[in-house]
Protein backbone atom coordinates (compact mmCIF):
# COMPACT_ATOMS: atom_id res chain seq x y z
CA MET A 1 -30.39 6.85 22.92
CA THR A 2 -28.19 5.00 20.50
CA ARG A 3 -25.09 3.73 22.32
CA PHE A 4 -22.08 3.14 20.48
CA CYS A 5 -18.62 1.01 21.29
CA SER A 6 -14.99 2.91 21.02
CA ILE A 7 -14.15 4.15 17.00
CA PHE A 8 -11.29 1.47 17.42
CA SER A 9 -13.90 -1.17 18.06
CA GLN A 10 -16.49 -0.30 15.44
CA LEU A 11 -12.83 -0.79 12.83
CA LEU A 12 -12.17 -4.12 13.81
CA GLN A 13 -15.64 -4.59 12.83
CA LEU A 14 -14.24 -4.58 9.20
CA PHE A 15 -12.46 -8.38 10.48
CA PRO A 16 -15.36 -10.89 10.46
CA ARG A 17 -14.00 -13.32 13.19
CA VAL A 18 -14.98 -16.14 10.93
CA GLU A 19 -12.82 -14.96 8.41
CA PHE A 20 -9.82 -14.01 10.29
CA GLN A 21 -10.26 -17.60 11.96
CA ARG A 22 -10.17 -19.39 8.79
CA ALA A 23 -7.31 -17.47 7.83
CA VAL A 24 -6.06 -18.46 11.34
CA VAL A 25 -6.85 -22.32 10.81
CA ALA A 26 -4.91 -22.18 7.12
CA THR A 27 -2.07 -20.72 8.75
CA LYS A 28 -1.74 -22.74 11.75
CA ALA A 29 -0.84 -19.90 13.32
CA GLU A 30 -2.44 -20.65 16.93
CA ARG A 31 -0.82 -24.42 16.92
CA HIS A 32 0.89 -24.66 20.42
CA ALA A 33 -0.54 -21.70 21.31
CA ARG A 34 -1.75 -21.12 25.20
CA GLY A 35 -4.01 -18.13 26.12
CA PHE A 36 -2.64 -15.15 23.86
CA THR A 37 -5.24 -15.73 20.65
CA CYS A 38 -4.11 -14.15 17.24
CA TRP A 39 -6.92 -12.20 17.45
CA GLY A 40 -5.53 -10.99 20.27
CA GLN A 41 -1.70 -10.14 18.61
CA PHE A 42 -4.24 -8.62 15.81
CA VAL A 43 -5.51 -6.26 17.79
CA ALA A 44 -2.62 -5.40 19.67
CA MET A 45 -0.53 -4.72 16.65
CA LEU A 46 -3.05 -3.03 14.60
CA PHE A 47 -3.26 -0.91 18.00
CA CYS A 48 0.42 0.34 17.07
CA GLN A 49 -0.16 1.08 13.98
CA LEU A 50 -3.04 3.32 14.43
CA ALA A 51 -2.02 4.55 17.98
CA GLY A 52 1.67 5.26 16.97
CA ALA A 53 3.25 3.19 19.68
CA HIS A 54 7.04 3.14 19.07
CA SER A 55 7.74 -0.32 21.53
CA LEU A 56 6.02 -3.10 23.14
CA ARG A 57 6.11 -1.47 26.55
CA GLU A 58 3.49 1.10 24.88
CA ILE A 59 1.48 -1.13 23.41
CA SER A 60 1.10 -3.11 26.59
CA TYR A 61 0.68 -0.29 28.93
CA GLY A 62 -1.44 1.82 26.21
CA LEU A 63 -4.06 -1.30 26.09
CA ARG A 64 -3.27 -1.87 30.24
CA SER A 65 -4.79 1.89 30.58
CA CYS A 66 -7.73 1.41 28.91
CA GLU A 67 -8.37 -2.09 30.16
CA GLY A 68 -11.79 -1.02 31.45
CA LYS A 69 -12.63 -0.24 27.04
CA LEU A 70 -11.16 -3.61 25.99
CA SER A 71 -13.73 -6.16 26.95
CA HIS A 72 -16.01 -5.18 23.50
CA LEU A 73 -12.65 -5.91 21.97
CA GLY A 74 -12.84 -9.71 23.04
CA ILE A 75 -8.98 -9.47 24.52
CA ASP A 76 -6.86 -8.79 27.35
CA ALA A 77 -3.65 -6.66 27.63
CA PRO A 78 -1.07 -8.56 26.76
CA SER A 79 2.43 -8.60 28.60
CA ARG A 80 5.72 -7.42 26.69
CA THR A 81 7.26 -10.56 26.33
CA THR A 82 4.11 -12.55 25.72
CA LEU A 83 3.41 -10.00 22.19
CA SER A 84 7.49 -10.36 21.71
CA TYR A 85 7.10 -14.03 21.34
CA ALA A 86 3.97 -14.46 19.31
CA ASN A 87 5.71 -11.56 17.45
CA ALA A 88 8.66 -13.78 16.56
CA HIS A 89 7.09 -17.26 16.14
CA ARG A 90 3.38 -17.08 14.86
CA PRO A 91 3.41 -16.94 11.15
CA TRP A 92 3.31 -14.01 9.41
CA GLN A 93 1.47 -15.15 6.93
CA LEU A 94 -1.64 -14.81 8.85
CA TYR A 95 -1.77 -11.12 8.03
CA GLU A 96 -0.96 -11.68 4.69
CA GLN A 97 -4.28 -13.28 4.30
CA VAL A 98 -5.61 -10.59 6.35
CA PHE A 99 -4.13 -7.99 4.17
CA TYR A 100 -6.23 -9.42 0.99
CA GLN A 101 -9.37 -10.04 2.72
CA MET A 102 -9.44 -6.56 3.60
CA LEU A 103 -7.94 -5.64 0.09
CA ALA A 104 -11.26 -7.10 -1.30
CA ARG A 105 -13.42 -4.80 0.88
CA CYS A 106 -11.68 -1.86 -0.47
CA ARG A 107 -12.10 -3.00 -4.18
CA GLU A 108 -15.59 -3.27 -3.53
CA VAL A 109 -16.21 0.89 -2.38
CA ALA A 110 -13.11 1.91 -4.48
CA GLY A 111 -14.97 1.80 -7.65
CA ALA A 112 -13.84 1.84 -10.96
CA ARG A 113 -13.21 5.42 -12.03
CA THR A 114 -9.68 6.34 -12.77
CA ARG A 115 -8.17 9.85 -14.41
CA PHE A 116 -7.74 8.41 -17.59
CA ARG A 117 -10.75 7.60 -20.37
CA PHE A 118 -9.30 4.62 -21.89
CA LYS A 119 -10.63 1.35 -19.81
CA ASN A 120 -7.65 -0.85 -19.60
CA LYS A 121 -5.88 -1.29 -16.18
CA LEU A 122 -3.78 1.07 -15.13
CA VAL A 123 -0.95 -0.45 -12.70
CA SER A 124 2.75 0.50 -11.38
CA LEU A 125 5.35 -0.88 -10.91
CA ASP A 126 8.09 -0.16 -7.95
CA ALA A 127 10.01 -1.31 -5.11
CA SER A 128 11.11 1.00 -1.82
CA VAL A 129 14.14 0.02 0.70
CA ILE A 130 13.63 -0.11 4.38
CA GLU A 131 16.97 0.68 6.10
CA LEU A 132 17.75 -1.24 9.25
CA CYS A 133 20.81 -1.17 11.67
CA ALA A 134 22.69 -3.94 10.68
CA THR A 135 23.73 -5.12 14.17
CA MET A 136 20.51 -5.86 15.34
CA PHE A 137 18.88 -7.09 12.05
CA ALA A 138 21.96 -9.14 11.09
CA TRP A 139 19.74 -11.23 8.74
CA ALA A 140 18.71 -8.70 6.41
CA LYS A 141 21.72 -8.35 4.08
CA PHE A 142 22.18 -5.08 2.58
CA ARG A 143 25.43 -3.66 2.53
CA ARG A 144 28.79 -3.91 4.66
CA THR A 145 27.66 -1.35 7.31
CA LYS A 146 23.52 -1.63 6.87
CA GLY A 147 20.74 -4.11 7.06
CA ALA A 148 17.46 -3.29 4.63
CA VAL A 149 14.39 -5.34 3.29
CA LYS A 150 13.04 -4.18 0.38
CA LEU A 151 8.94 -3.53 -0.18
CA HIS A 152 7.76 -4.57 -3.62
CA CYS A 153 4.78 -3.46 -4.92
CA GLN A 154 2.34 -2.96 -7.22
CA LEU A 155 -0.34 -0.38 -7.30
CA ASP A 156 -3.57 -0.21 -9.08
CA HIS A 157 -4.62 2.95 -10.35
CA ARG A 158 -8.06 2.76 -9.42
CA GLY A 159 -8.44 3.80 -5.84
CA TYR A 160 -4.54 3.59 -5.94
CA LEU A 161 -4.49 0.42 -3.78
CA PRO A 162 -1.47 -1.88 -3.26
CA THR A 163 -2.75 -5.28 -4.88
CA MET A 164 0.47 -6.93 -4.64
CA VAL A 165 3.22 -6.94 -1.80
CA VAL A 166 6.15 -8.96 -1.63
CA ILE A 167 8.95 -8.37 1.06
CA THR A 168 12.69 -9.24 0.03
CA ASP A 169 16.07 -8.36 1.52
CA GLY A 170 17.48 -5.04 0.44
CA LYS A 171 19.51 -6.80 -2.17
CA GLN A 172 17.18 -8.52 -4.60
CA HIS A 173 16.70 -7.07 -7.88
CA ASP A 174 13.71 -5.13 -8.46
CA LEU A 175 13.45 -7.23 -12.02
CA VAL A 176 14.01 -10.56 -10.23
CA VAL A 177 10.67 -10.00 -8.26
CA ALA A 178 8.60 -8.46 -11.50
CA ARG A 179 9.33 -11.37 -13.66
CA GLN A 180 7.63 -13.42 -11.05
CA GLN A 181 4.19 -11.13 -11.44
CA ARG A 182 1.79 -12.03 -14.13
CA PHE A 183 -0.63 -9.33 -15.81
CA GLU A 184 -3.83 -9.50 -17.36
CA THR A 185 -3.87 -8.94 -21.40
CA GLY A 186 -4.62 -5.35 -22.09
CA THR A 187 -2.74 -3.84 -18.90
CA ILE A 188 -0.93 -1.23 -19.01
CA LEU A 189 2.20 -1.40 -17.13
CA VAL A 190 4.00 1.90 -15.96
CA MET A 191 7.30 1.61 -13.91
CA ASP A 192 10.98 3.53 -13.91
CA ARG A 193 14.05 2.51 -15.79
CA GLY A 194 15.08 0.26 -13.25
CA TYR A 195 13.15 -2.44 -14.92
CA ILE A 196 14.31 -1.89 -18.07
CA ASP A 197 15.36 -5.54 -19.60
CA TYR A 198 14.46 -5.94 -23.07
CA ALA A 199 13.59 -9.87 -22.91
CA TRP A 200 11.46 -9.05 -20.18
CA LEU A 201 9.77 -6.27 -22.07
CA ALA A 202 9.53 -8.77 -25.38
CA SER A 203 8.01 -11.49 -23.16
CA LEU A 204 5.39 -8.89 -21.97
CA ASP A 205 4.63 -7.49 -25.59
CA ALA A 206 3.74 -11.30 -26.86
CA ASP A 207 1.28 -11.77 -23.40
CA GLY A 208 -0.66 -8.60 -24.90
CA VAL A 209 0.68 -6.45 -21.89
CA PHE A 210 1.58 -2.73 -22.52
CA PHE A 211 4.21 -0.55 -20.73
CA VAL A 212 5.26 2.66 -20.39
CA THR A 213 8.66 3.42 -18.75
CA ARG A 214 11.60 6.32 -19.31
CA MET A 215 13.98 5.50 -22.19
CA LYS A 216 17.75 5.29 -21.37
CA ASP A 217 20.25 7.30 -22.87
CA ASN A 218 22.30 4.93 -24.28
CA THR A 219 19.65 2.78 -26.37
CA ALA A 220 20.88 2.62 -29.70
CA TYR A 221 17.34 2.75 -32.26
CA GLU A 222 16.40 3.68 -36.01
CA VAL A 223 13.11 5.92 -36.22
CA ILE A 224 11.23 4.14 -39.23
CA GLU A 225 8.33 6.44 -38.87
CA ARG A 226 7.20 10.40 -37.37
CA ARG A 227 4.44 10.94 -36.32
CA PRO A 228 2.43 14.52 -36.19
CA VAL A 229 2.32 15.98 -32.48
CA PRO A 230 0.28 18.81 -31.34
CA GLU A 231 0.95 22.26 -32.34
CA ARG A 232 0.98 23.35 -28.75
CA GLY A 233 1.62 21.41 -25.99
CA PRO A 234 4.79 19.79 -24.30
CA VAL A 235 4.94 17.02 -27.07
CA VAL A 236 8.58 17.39 -28.65
CA ALA A 237 8.30 13.88 -31.23
CA ASP A 238 6.50 11.06 -31.43
CA GLU A 239 8.76 8.31 -33.26
CA LEU A 240 7.99 4.64 -34.46
CA ILE A 241 11.52 2.94 -33.85
CA VAL A 242 13.24 -0.49 -33.44
CA LEU A 243 16.06 -1.38 -31.62
CA THR A 244 19.54 -1.72 -33.40
CA GLY A 245 22.05 -2.28 -30.20
CA PRO A 246 23.42 -5.78 -30.53
CA LYS A 247 22.56 -7.10 -27.39
CA THR A 248 18.91 -5.63 -27.23
CA GLN A 249 18.49 -7.35 -31.00
CA THR A 250 18.24 -10.57 -29.72
CA LYS A 251 16.45 -9.71 -26.41
CA TYR A 252 13.64 -7.88 -28.46
CA GLU A 253 12.73 -9.02 -31.57
CA TRP A 254 14.01 -7.20 -34.98
CA GLY A 255 11.74 -5.36 -36.61
CA ARG A 256 9.35 -5.16 -33.96
CA PRO A 257 8.35 -1.70 -33.64
CA LEU A 258 8.49 0.25 -30.08
CA ARG A 259 7.17 3.89 -29.61
CA ARG A 260 9.59 6.86 -28.27
CA VAL A 261 7.67 9.89 -26.95
CA GLU A 262 9.80 12.60 -26.00
CA VAL A 263 8.06 15.93 -23.82
CA TRP A 264 9.70 18.99 -22.94
CA LEU A 265 9.12 20.27 -19.42
CA PRO A 266 9.34 23.99 -19.28
CA GLU A 267 8.71 24.30 -15.13
CA GLU A 268 11.90 21.88 -14.58
CA GLU A 269 13.82 23.03 -17.88
CA ARG A 270 14.73 18.90 -19.34
CA THR A 271 13.37 16.61 -21.63
CA LEU A 272 11.90 13.17 -20.65
CA VAL A 273 11.88 10.31 -23.30
CA PHE A 274 9.30 7.86 -22.70
CA LEU A 275 9.49 4.36 -24.57
CA THR A 276 6.33 1.97 -24.99
CA ASN A 277 4.78 -0.36 -27.04
CA HIS A 278 1.50 1.28 -27.07
CA LEU A 279 1.03 2.78 -30.47
CA GLU A 280 -2.34 3.41 -30.57
CA LEU A 281 -2.58 6.10 -27.43
CA GLY A 282 -2.13 9.78 -28.23
CA PRO A 283 1.60 11.31 -27.03
CA THR A 284 -0.31 13.80 -24.50
CA THR A 285 -2.09 10.62 -22.70
CA ILE A 286 1.02 8.45 -22.63
CA ALA A 287 3.11 11.69 -20.74
CA ARG A 288 0.24 11.36 -18.68
CA ILE A 289 0.13 7.66 -17.58
CA TYR A 290 4.05 8.43 -16.73
CA LYS A 291 3.27 11.52 -14.49
CA ASP A 292 0.54 9.27 -12.61
CA ARG A 293 3.44 6.85 -11.80
CA TRP A 294 4.15 9.31 -9.19
CA GLN A 295 1.52 7.89 -7.01
CA ILE A 296 3.13 5.04 -5.89
CA GLU A 297 5.90 7.30 -4.74
CA LEU A 298 3.35 8.81 -2.81
CA PHE A 299 2.09 5.36 -1.74
CA PHE A 300 5.64 4.73 0.05
CA LYS A 301 5.94 7.96 1.63
CA ALA A 302 2.13 7.70 3.25
CA LEU A 303 3.35 4.18 4.75
CA LYS A 304 6.50 5.31 6.04
CA GLN A 305 5.77 8.70 7.41
CA THR A 306 2.50 7.78 8.58
CA LEU A 307 2.40 4.50 10.18
CA ARG A 308 5.19 2.47 11.89
CA VAL A 309 7.45 0.88 9.09
CA LYS A 310 10.90 2.51 10.26
CA THR A 311 11.10 1.72 13.66
CA PHE A 312 10.27 -2.22 15.06
CA VAL A 313 9.32 -3.49 17.99
CA GLY A 314 11.04 -6.87 16.99
CA THR A 315 14.32 -7.94 15.36
CA SER A 316 13.78 -11.20 14.35
CA ALA A 317 12.55 -11.82 10.78
CA ASN A 318 9.00 -12.76 11.56
CA ALA A 319 8.62 -10.10 14.02
CA LEU A 320 9.31 -7.41 11.06
CA HIS A 321 7.41 -8.91 8.54
CA THR A 322 4.49 -9.28 11.07
CA GLN A 323 4.84 -5.49 11.81
CA VAL A 324 4.86 -4.30 8.07
CA TRP A 325 1.84 -6.26 7.15
CA THR A 326 -0.25 -4.99 9.83
CA ALA A 327 0.87 -1.62 8.54
CA LEU A 328 -0.19 -2.41 5.38
CA ILE A 329 -3.89 -3.13 6.68
CA ALA A 330 -3.88 -0.56 8.61
CA LEU A 331 -3.08 1.64 5.43
CA LEU A 332 -5.88 -0.04 4.04
CA ILE A 333 -8.05 0.45 7.09
CA LEU A 334 -7.37 4.68 6.21
CA LYS A 335 -8.34 4.24 2.54
CA TYR A 336 -11.51 2.02 3.10
CA LEU A 337 -12.50 5.35 5.06
CA GLN A 338 -10.98 7.65 2.40
CA PHE A 339 -13.40 6.03 0.23
CA LYS A 340 -16.80 6.18 2.20
CA ALA A 341 -16.34 9.46 3.92
CA HIS A 342 -17.96 12.24 2.15
CA GLN A 343 -15.78 14.49 3.39
CA SER A 344 -12.37 14.86 1.55
CA TRP A 345 -9.70 14.00 3.66
CA SER A 346 -6.25 13.92 3.58
CA PHE A 347 -4.42 10.82 4.58
CA SER A 348 -2.26 12.17 7.22
CA ASN A 349 -5.17 13.88 8.78
CA LEU A 350 -7.03 11.06 8.93
CA ALA A 351 -4.76 9.16 10.73
CA ALA A 352 -3.75 11.83 13.23
CA LEU A 353 -7.33 12.66 14.31
CA LEU A 354 -7.88 8.63 14.16
CA ARG A 355 -4.99 8.21 16.53
CA MET A 356 -6.74 10.63 19.13
CA ASN A 357 -9.81 9.38 18.87
CA LEU A 358 -9.37 5.61 19.04
CA PHE A 359 -11.11 4.99 22.40
CA VAL A 360 -14.13 7.80 21.78
CA TYR A 361 -17.48 6.27 21.94
CA ARG A 362 -19.13 8.07 19.08
CA ASP A 363 -20.50 6.49 15.78
CA LEU A 364 -17.46 5.83 13.08
CA TRP A 365 -19.51 7.18 10.29
CA THR A 366 -20.97 10.04 11.80
CA TRP A 367 -17.29 11.19 13.18
CA LEU A 368 -16.27 10.35 10.03
CA ASP A 369 -18.27 12.97 8.32
CA ALA A 370 -18.26 15.34 11.02
CA PRO A 371 -15.07 14.87 13.53
CA TYR A 372 -15.32 18.64 14.64
CA THR A 373 -18.61 18.73 15.80
CA ALA A 374 -19.31 17.34 19.13
CA PRO A 375 -21.51 14.48 19.96
CA PRO A 376 -25.41 15.46 20.58
CA ARG A 377 -25.25 15.24 24.73
CA PRO A 378 -28.06 12.67 25.97
CA PRO A 379 -31.19 13.94 27.42
CA LEU A 380 -31.23 14.93 31.52
CA PRO A 381 -33.02 12.28 33.45
CA GLN A 382 -36.49 13.87 34.89
CA GLN A 383 -36.98 15.06 38.15
CA GLY A 384 -39.48 13.60 40.21
CA VAL A 385 -41.96 16.41 42.09
CA LEU A 386 -42.08 15.90 45.46
CA ALA A 387 -46.26 16.04 46.25
CA LEU A 388 -47.17 17.94 49.43
CA GLY A 389 -50.22 17.09 51.04
């Protein structure tokens, strides 16, 4: 009979030790280390995310309770103080590199299919605040009585994978991080009104990048062309405009046309107005592109509700970054399993059932397609027959 190691051990096989050690050397993460390796820290923090541990004590005792099953993981259960010291002092950049290694594997199995027929790369850009206690996280400046960090993310709609993540303090404006990003020519960038800066939009247009966003209510413009709209459907208006405001003209070149698409939502009884520099796609497609931006909101929701990014096992900046990056790695693991499974899994159900079966000895890929089926029983040993004579 074929024997398997635990499901947790099979998940760790997604991270080749040679690649991991290369990242350790590149970030000098084990400099002055004694005994407790970076691999042991990574396994412990990944256990924190996948098992739902709330504290260092739960991580340490949870691994210690499975001591007989840790030999195939290549670690010993760390003490609370050892893990706390490692999280506070070993560079979090190691886990950032491991995240991008796992992202490359997810892209290999995600495929190139999207909900749209156009071949342009579609990317969402957004940020989410993770609130912290101001007394415990004094370094995380946000408000007078609250601390926070901000998670800036770029989501590729081919597989809905986070392709860029930046963690800043809570006061950092979204546009500061957005201006530092570079996008391929032909990319369609979808974002909310918080990213509207006409100088930046003009630079995107000059680089051949398309954008779709909501139009601000106080935007001054002049209609230069009205296009026909479908007789049936939610589109109310499709117009080519130029900006006429005194400040916007200096930022966005006068005479450079933009497109204004107005859509009526009967279920919500309100009108949405979109602004884009893509002049060829149909108005309904423009509306659908912005609607698909909701996937980045679902990404943040899944990260916060399913993984440990709201309660932290360390209060230093390095420990927080380490925990957030391991949460993002755990999210990629779950996405990878969704891509590989023949059964349709919801993200929350997969995370919950995986939490219950981390140290079960079953083939991961068989369990993934038949999680509610009992594993085959091993054959009973043949009983010898006593010969009389």
